[in-house]
PDB file of N, CA and C in Angstrom:
ATOM      1  N   MET A   1     -59.562  70.742  58.934  1.00  0.00           N
ATOM      2  CA  MET A   1     -60.967  70.403  59.134  1.00  0.00           C
ATOM      3  C   MET A   1     -61.494  69.803  57.834  1.00  0.00           C
ATOM      4  N   VAL A   2     -62.261  68.689  57.988  1.00  0.00           N
ATOM      5  CA  VAL A   2     -62.838  68.013  56.876  1.00  0.00           C
ATOM      6  C   VAL A   2     -64.376  68.233  56.915  1.00  0.00           C
ATOM      7  N   ILE A   3     -64.899  68.658  55.734  1.00  0.00           N
ATOM      8  CA  ILE A   3     -66.310  68.950  55.645  1.00  0.00           C
ATOM      9  C   ILE A   3     -66.822  68.012  54.528  1.00  0.00           C
ATOM     10  N   SER A   4     -67.849  67.286  54.863  1.00  0.00           N
ATOM     11  CA  SER A   4     -68.526  66.390  53.892  1.00  0.00           C
ATOM     12  C   SER A   4     -69.493  67.140  53.000  1.00  0.00           C
ATOM     13  N   THR A   5     -69.563  66.700  51.764  1.00  0.00           N
ATOM     14  CA  THR A   5     -70.563  67.323  50.882  1.00  0.00           C
ATOM     15  C   THR A   5     -71.869  66.614  50.878  1.00  0.00           C
ATOM     16  N   GLU A   6     -71.945  65.453  51.589  1.00  0.00           N
ATOM     17  CA  GLU A   6     -73.121  64.699  51.669  1.00  0.00           C
ATOM     18  C   GLU A   6     -73.915  65.125  52.942  1.00  0.00           C
ATOM     19  N   PRO A   7     -75.223  65.220  52.930  1.00  0.00           N
ATOM     20  CA  PRO A   7     -76.005  65.550  54.087  1.00  0.00           C
ATOM     21  C   PRO A   7     -75.870  64.464  55.197  1.00  0.00           C
ATOM     22  N   ALA A   8     -75.760  64.869  56.392  1.00  0.00           N
ATOM     23  CA  ALA A   8     -75.638  63.936  57.533  1.00  0.00           C
ATOM     24  C   ALA A   8     -76.874  63.085  57.749  1.00  0.00           C
ATOM     25  N   TRP A   9     -78.002  63.632  57.470  1.00  0.00           N
ATOM     26  CA  TRP A   9     -79.269  62.905  57.709  1.00  0.00           C
ATOM     27  C   TRP A   9     -79.420  61.767  56.754  1.00  0.00           C
ATOM     28  N   LYS A  10     -78.779  61.833  55.567  1.00  0.00           N
ATOM     29  CA  LYS A  10     -78.899  60.693  54.590  1.00  0.00           C
ATOM     30  C   LYS A  10     -78.497  59.375  55.201  1.00  0.00           C
ATOM     31  N   GLU A  11     -77.388  59.375  55.931  1.00  0.00           N
ATOM     32  CA  GLU A  11     -76.941  58.126  56.481  1.00  0.00           C
ATOM     33  C   GLU A  11     -77.951  57.600  57.584  1.00  0.00           C
ATOM     34  N   LEU A  12     -78.519  58.513  58.260  1.00  0.00           N
ATOM     35  CA  LEU A  12     -79.469  58.128  59.293  1.00  0.00           C
ATOM     36  C   LEU A  12     -80.756  57.505  58.604  1.00  0.00           C
ATOM     37  N   VAL A  13     -81.257  58.104  57.640  1.00  0.00           N
ATOM     38  CA  VAL A  13     -82.473  57.655  56.925  1.00  0.00           C
ATOM     39  C   VAL A  13     -82.177  56.330  56.187  1.00  0.00           C
ATOM     40  N   ASP A  14     -81.011  56.200  55.576  1.00  0.00           N
ATOM     41  CA  ASP A  14     -80.706  54.973  54.961  1.00  0.00           C
ATOM     42  C   ASP A  14     -80.769  53.737  55.910  1.00  0.00           C
ATOM     43  N   GLY A  15     -80.475  53.961  57.152  1.00  0.00           N
ATOM     44  CA  GLY A  15     -80.421  52.911  58.092  1.00  0.00           C
ATOM     45  C   GLY A  15     -81.810  52.571  58.624  1.00  0.00           C
ATOM     46  N   LEU A  16     -82.824  53.302  58.284  1.00  0.00           N
ATOM     47  CA  LEU A  16     -84.160  53.141  58.837  1.00  0.00           C
ATOM     48  C   LEU A  16     -85.070  52.275  57.940  1.00  0.00           C
ATOM     49  N   GLY A  17     -84.569  51.925  56.774  1.00  0.00           N
ATOM     50  CA  GLY A  17     -85.357  51.151  55.817  1.00  0.00           C
ATOM     51  C   GLY A  17     -85.499  49.749  56.235  1.00  0.00           C
ATOM     52  N   ARG A  18     -86.514  49.011  55.681  1.00  0.00           N
ATOM     53  CA  ARG A  18     -86.715  47.571  55.974  1.00  0.00           C
ATOM     54  C   ARG A  18     -86.524  46.805  54.640  1.00  0.00           C
ATOM     55  N   GLU A  19     -85.812  45.742  54.691  1.00  0.00           N
ATOM     56  CA  GLU A  19     -85.690  44.941  53.466  1.00  0.00           C
ATOM     57  C   GLU A  19     -86.505  43.635  53.561  1.00  0.00           C
ATOM     58  N   TYR A  20     -87.131  43.286  52.466  1.00  0.00           N
ATOM     59  CA  TYR A  20     -87.901  42.078  52.382  1.00  0.00           C
ATOM     60  C   TYR A  20     -87.439  41.266  51.152  1.00  0.00           C
ATOM     61  N   GLN A  21     -87.446  39.941  51.430  1.00  0.00           N
ATOM     62  CA  GLN A  21     -87.103  38.973  50.327  1.00  0.00           C
ATOM     63  C   GLN A  21     -88.335  38.247  49.974  1.00  0.00           C
ATOM     64  N   ASP A  22     -88.542  37.976  48.672  1.00  0.00           N
ATOM     65  CA  ASP A  22     -89.687  37.220  48.198  1.00  0.00           C
ATOM     66  C   ASP A  22     -90.989  37.861  48.551  1.00  0.00           C
ATOM     67  N   ALA A  23     -91.062  39.198  48.379  1.00  0.00           N
ATOM     68  CA  ALA A  23     -92.224  39.968  48.737  1.00  0.00           C
ATOM     69  C   ALA A  23     -93.061  40.182  47.503  1.00  0.00           C
ATOM     70  N   VAL A  24     -94.354  40.484  47.632  1.00  0.00           N
ATOM     71  CA  VAL A  24     -95.219  40.863  46.500  1.00  0.00           C
ATOM     72  C   VAL A  24     -95.808  42.212  46.822  1.00  0.00           C
ATOM     73  N   VAL A  25     -95.624  43.211  45.887  1.00  0.00           N
ATOM     74  CA  VAL A  25     -96.093  44.510  46.038  1.00  0.00           C
ATOM     75  C   VAL A  25     -97.342  44.720  45.192  1.00  0.00           C
ATOM     76  N   TYR A  26     -98.430  45.029  45.880  1.00  0.00           N
ATOM     77  CA  TYR A  26     -99.750  45.194  45.171  1.00  0.00           C
ATOM     78  C   TYR A  26    -100.160  46.624  45.128  1.00  0.00           C
ATOM     79  N   ALA A  27    -100.849  46.925  44.046  1.00  0.00           N
ATOM     80  CA  ALA A  27    -101.427  48.249  43.830  1.00  0.00           C
ATOM     81  C   ALA A  27    -102.882  48.425  44.282  1.00  0.00           C
ATOM     82  N   ASP A  28    -103.512  47.290  44.638  1.00  0.00           N
ATOM     83  CA  ASP A  28    -104.920  47.357  45.039  1.00  0.00           C
ATOM     84  C   ASP A  28    -105.236  46.332  46.116  1.00  0.00           C
ATOM     85  N   LEU A  29    -106.354  46.594  46.780  1.00  0.00           N
ATOM     86  CA  LEU A  29    -106.790  45.748  47.906  1.00  0.00           C
ATOM     87  C   LEU A  29    -107.156  44.377  47.459  1.00  0.00           C
ATOM     88  N   GLU A  30    -107.665  44.252  46.265  1.00  0.00           N
ATOM     89  CA  GLU A  30    -108.112  42.939  45.726  1.00  0.00           C
ATOM     90  C   GLU A  30    -106.963  42.020  45.330  1.00  0.00           C
ATOM     91  N   GLN A  31    -105.774  42.536  45.326  1.00  0.00           N
ATOM     92  CA  GLN A  31    -104.553  41.767  44.936  1.00  0.00           C
ATOM     93  C   GLN A  31    -104.599  41.323  43.510  1.00  0.00           C
ATOM     94  N   GLU A  32    -105.175  42.186  42.624  1.00  0.00           N
ATOM     95  CA  GLU A  32    -105.275  41.869  41.198  1.00  0.00           C
ATOM     96  C   GLU A  32    -104.086  42.499  40.452  1.00  0.00           C
ATOM     97  N   THR A  33    -103.590  43.651  40.871  1.00  0.00           N
ATOM     98  CA  THR A  33    -102.505  44.318  40.230  1.00  0.00           C
ATOM     99  C   THR A  33    -101.218  44.208  41.034  1.00  0.00           C
ATOM    100  N   ILE A  34    -100.331  43.389  40.465  1.00  0.00           N
ATOM    101  CA  ILE A  34     -99.038  43.190  41.081  1.00  0.00           C
ATOM    102  C   ILE A  34     -98.018  44.185  40.428  1.00  0.00           C
ATOM    103  N   LEU A  35     -97.385  44.939  41.270  1.00  0.00           N
ATOM    104  CA  LEU A  35     -96.363  45.910  40.788  1.00  0.00           C
ATOM    105  C   LEU A  35     -94.936  45.242  40.777  1.00  0.00           C
ATOM    106  N   HIS A  36     -94.734  44.331  41.685  1.00  0.00           N
ATOM    107  CA  HIS A  36     -93.360  43.687  41.735  1.00  0.00           C
ATOM    108  C   HIS A  36     -93.383  42.410  42.579  1.00  0.00           C
ATOM    109  N   GLU A  37     -92.678  41.491  42.174  1.00  0.00           N
ATOM    110  CA  GLU A  37     -92.471  40.230  42.987  1.00  0.00           C
ATOM    111  C   GLU A  37     -90.980  40.060  43.153  1.00  0.00           C
ATOM    112  N   GLY A  38     -90.540  39.819  44.432  1.00  0.00           N
ATOM    113  CA  GLY A  38     -89.101  39.605  44.709  1.00  0.00           C
ATOM    114  C   GLY A  38     -88.663  40.526  45.839  1.00  0.00           C
ATOM    115  N   ASP A  39     -87.343  40.798  45.863  1.00  0.00           N
ATOM    116  CA  ASP A  39     -86.791  41.518  46.905  1.00  0.00           C
ATOM    117  C   ASP A  39     -87.189  43.021  46.785  1.00  0.00           C
ATOM    118  N   VAL A  40     -87.421  43.629  47.893  1.00  0.00           N
ATOM    119  CA  VAL A  40     -87.752  45.030  47.905  1.00  0.00           C
ATOM    120  C   VAL A  40     -87.145  45.673  49.213  1.00  0.00           C
ATOM    121  N   ARG A  41     -87.116  46.982  49.197  1.00  0.00           N
ATOM    122  CA  ARG A  41     -86.653  47.735  50.380  1.00  0.00           C
ATOM    123  C   ARG A  41     -87.649  48.841  50.628  1.00  0.00           C
ATOM    124  N   LEU A  42     -88.259  48.816  51.842  1.00  0.00           N
ATOM    125  CA  LEU A  42     -89.195  49.874  52.168  1.00  0.00           C
ATOM    126  C   LEU A  42     -88.384  51.040  52.848  1.00  0.00           C
ATOM    127  N   LEU A  43     -88.318  52.172  52.239  1.00  0.00           N
ATOM    128  CA  LEU A  43     -87.569  53.292  52.764  1.00  0.00           C
ATOM    129  C   LEU A  43     -88.394  53.999  53.899  1.00  0.00           C
ATOM    130  N   ALA A  44     -87.630  54.729  54.684  1.00  0.00           N
ATOM    131  CA  ALA A  44     -88.279  55.448  55.782  1.00  0.00           C
ATOM    132  C   ALA A  44     -89.333  56.439  55.376  1.00  0.00           C
ATOM    133  N   ASN A  45     -89.188  56.988  54.165  1.00  0.00           N
ATOM    134  CA  ASN A  45     -90.195  57.956  53.713  1.00  0.00           C
ATOM    135  C   ASN A  45     -91.392  57.340  53.037  1.00  0.00           C
ATOM    136  N   GLY A  46     -91.453  56.042  53.031  1.00  0.00           N
ATOM    137  CA  GLY A  46     -92.617  55.280  52.424  1.00  0.00           C
ATOM    138  C   GLY A  46     -92.451  54.803  51.043  1.00  0.00           C
ATOM    139  N   TRP A  47     -91.414  55.243  50.365  1.00  0.00           N
ATOM    140  CA  TRP A  47     -91.147  54.773  48.964  1.00  0.00           C
ATOM    141  C   TRP A  47     -90.585  53.349  49.041  1.00  0.00           C
ATOM    142  N   VAL A  48     -90.872  52.598  47.979  1.00  0.00           N
ATOM    143  CA  VAL A  48     -90.421  51.218  47.898  1.00  0.00           C
ATOM    144  C   VAL A  48     -89.301  51.159  46.793  1.00  0.00           C
ATOM    145  N   GLU A  49     -88.143  50.658  47.194  1.00  0.00           N
ATOM    146  CA  GLU A  49     -87.008  50.605  46.297  1.00  0.00           C
ATOM    147  C   GLU A  49     -86.874  49.177  45.791  1.00  0.00           C
ATOM    148  N   LEU A  50     -86.803  49.018  44.526  1.00  0.00           N
ATOM    149  CA  LEU A  50     -86.624  47.757  43.852  1.00  0.00           C
ATOM    150  C   LEU A  50     -85.131  47.432  43.642  1.00  0.00           C
ATOM    151  N   PRO A  51     -84.738  46.228  43.416  1.00  0.00           N
ATOM    152  CA  PRO A  51     -83.298  45.858  43.246  1.00  0.00           C
ATOM    153  C   PRO A  51     -82.652  46.646  42.083  1.00  0.00           C
ATOM    154  N   THR A  52     -83.438  47.018  41.068  1.00  0.00           N
ATOM    155  CA  THR A  52     -82.929  47.732  39.947  1.00  0.00           C
ATOM    156  C   THR A  52     -82.637  49.207  40.238  1.00  0.00           C
ATOM    157  N   GLY A  53     -83.055  49.686  41.451  1.00  0.00           N
ATOM    158  CA  GLY A  53     -82.904  51.053  41.849  1.00  0.00           C
ATOM    159  C   GLY A  53     -84.170  51.883  41.529  1.00  0.00           C
ATOM    160  N   ARG A  54     -85.155  51.301  40.859  1.00  0.00           N
ATOM    161  CA  ARG A  54     -86.449  51.989  40.616  1.00  0.00           C
ATOM    162  C   ARG A  54     -87.173  52.222  41.893  1.00  0.00           C
ATOM    163  N   LEU A  55     -87.849  53.290  41.995  1.00  0.00           N
ATOM    164  CA  LEU A  55     -88.615  53.622  43.219  1.00  0.00           C
ATOM    165  C   LEU A  55     -90.139  53.603  42.855  1.00  0.00           C
ATOM    166  N   LEU A  56     -90.899  52.999  43.771  1.00  0.00           N
ATOM    167  CA  LEU A  56     -92.342  53.028  43.612  1.00  0.00           C
ATOM    168  C   LEU A  56     -92.861  54.025  44.673  1.00  0.00           C
ATOM    169  N   SER A  57     -93.774  54.887  44.220  1.00  0.00           N
ATOM    170  CA  SER A  57     -94.392  55.896  45.100  1.00  0.00           C
ATOM    171  C   SER A  57     -95.290  55.253  46.101  1.00  0.00           C
ATOM    172  N   PRO A  58     -95.340  55.861  47.378  1.00  0.00           N
ATOM    173  CA  PRO A  58     -96.272  55.369  48.315  1.00  0.00           C
ATOM    174  C   PRO A  58     -97.709  55.488  47.909  1.00  0.00           C
ATOM    175  N   ASP A  59     -98.021  56.389  46.959  1.00  0.00           N
ATOM    176  CA  ASP A  59     -99.385  56.493  46.453  1.00  0.00           C
ATOM    177  C   ASP A  59     -99.764  55.382  45.521  1.00  0.00           C
ATOM    178  N   ALA A  60     -98.737  54.729  44.876  1.00  0.00           N
ATOM    179  CA  ALA A  60     -98.943  53.642  43.907  1.00  0.00           C
ATOM    180  C   ALA A  60     -99.054  52.281  44.613  1.00  0.00           C
ATOM    181  N   VAL A  61     -98.468  52.131  45.832  1.00  0.00           N
ATOM    182  CA  VAL A  61     -98.469  50.865  46.452  1.00  0.00           C
ATOM    183  C   VAL A  61     -99.571  50.839  47.539  1.00  0.00           C
ATOM    184  N   HIS A  62    -100.436  49.778  47.418  1.00  0.00           N
ATOM    185  CA  HIS A  62    -101.448  49.573  48.446  1.00  0.00           C
ATOM    186  C   HIS A  62    -100.921  48.841  49.629  1.00  0.00           C
ATOM    187  N   HIS A  63    -100.244  47.692  49.338  1.00  0.00           N
ATOM    188  CA  HIS A  63     -99.603  46.920  50.449  1.00  0.00           C
ATOM    189  C   HIS A  63     -98.597  45.976  49.918  1.00  0.00           C
ATOM    190  N   ILE A  64     -97.782  45.453  50.845  1.00  0.00           N
ATOM    191  CA  ILE A  64     -96.739  44.541  50.523  1.00  0.00           C
ATOM    192  C   ILE A  64     -96.940  43.249  51.327  1.00  0.00           C
ATOM    193  N   ASP A  65     -97.060  42.117  50.661  1.00  0.00           N
ATOM    194  CA  ASP A  65     -97.088  40.853  51.377  1.00  0.00           C
ATOM    195  C   ASP A  65     -95.689  40.266  51.441  1.00  0.00           C
ATOM    196  N   THR A  66     -95.299  39.892  52.607  1.00  0.00           N
ATOM    197  CA  THR A  66     -93.949  39.353  52.836  1.00  0.00           C
ATOM    198  C   THR A  66     -93.961  37.857  53.040  1.00  0.00           C
TER     199      THR A  66
END
């Protein structure tokens, strides 16, 4: 019997994210504060993953223009 040390739900959650190219991530409605420009991945839990592996909290991100 083979038992994985990785949680099974991790693979399911990883497949639920959305990837955007040339997106702009804003911290405010007025679009004055830009958090990131370029490729991003929106995870199923609301966090935004940058190409560097850095994560932006859903509380920090107001919206993403694609």
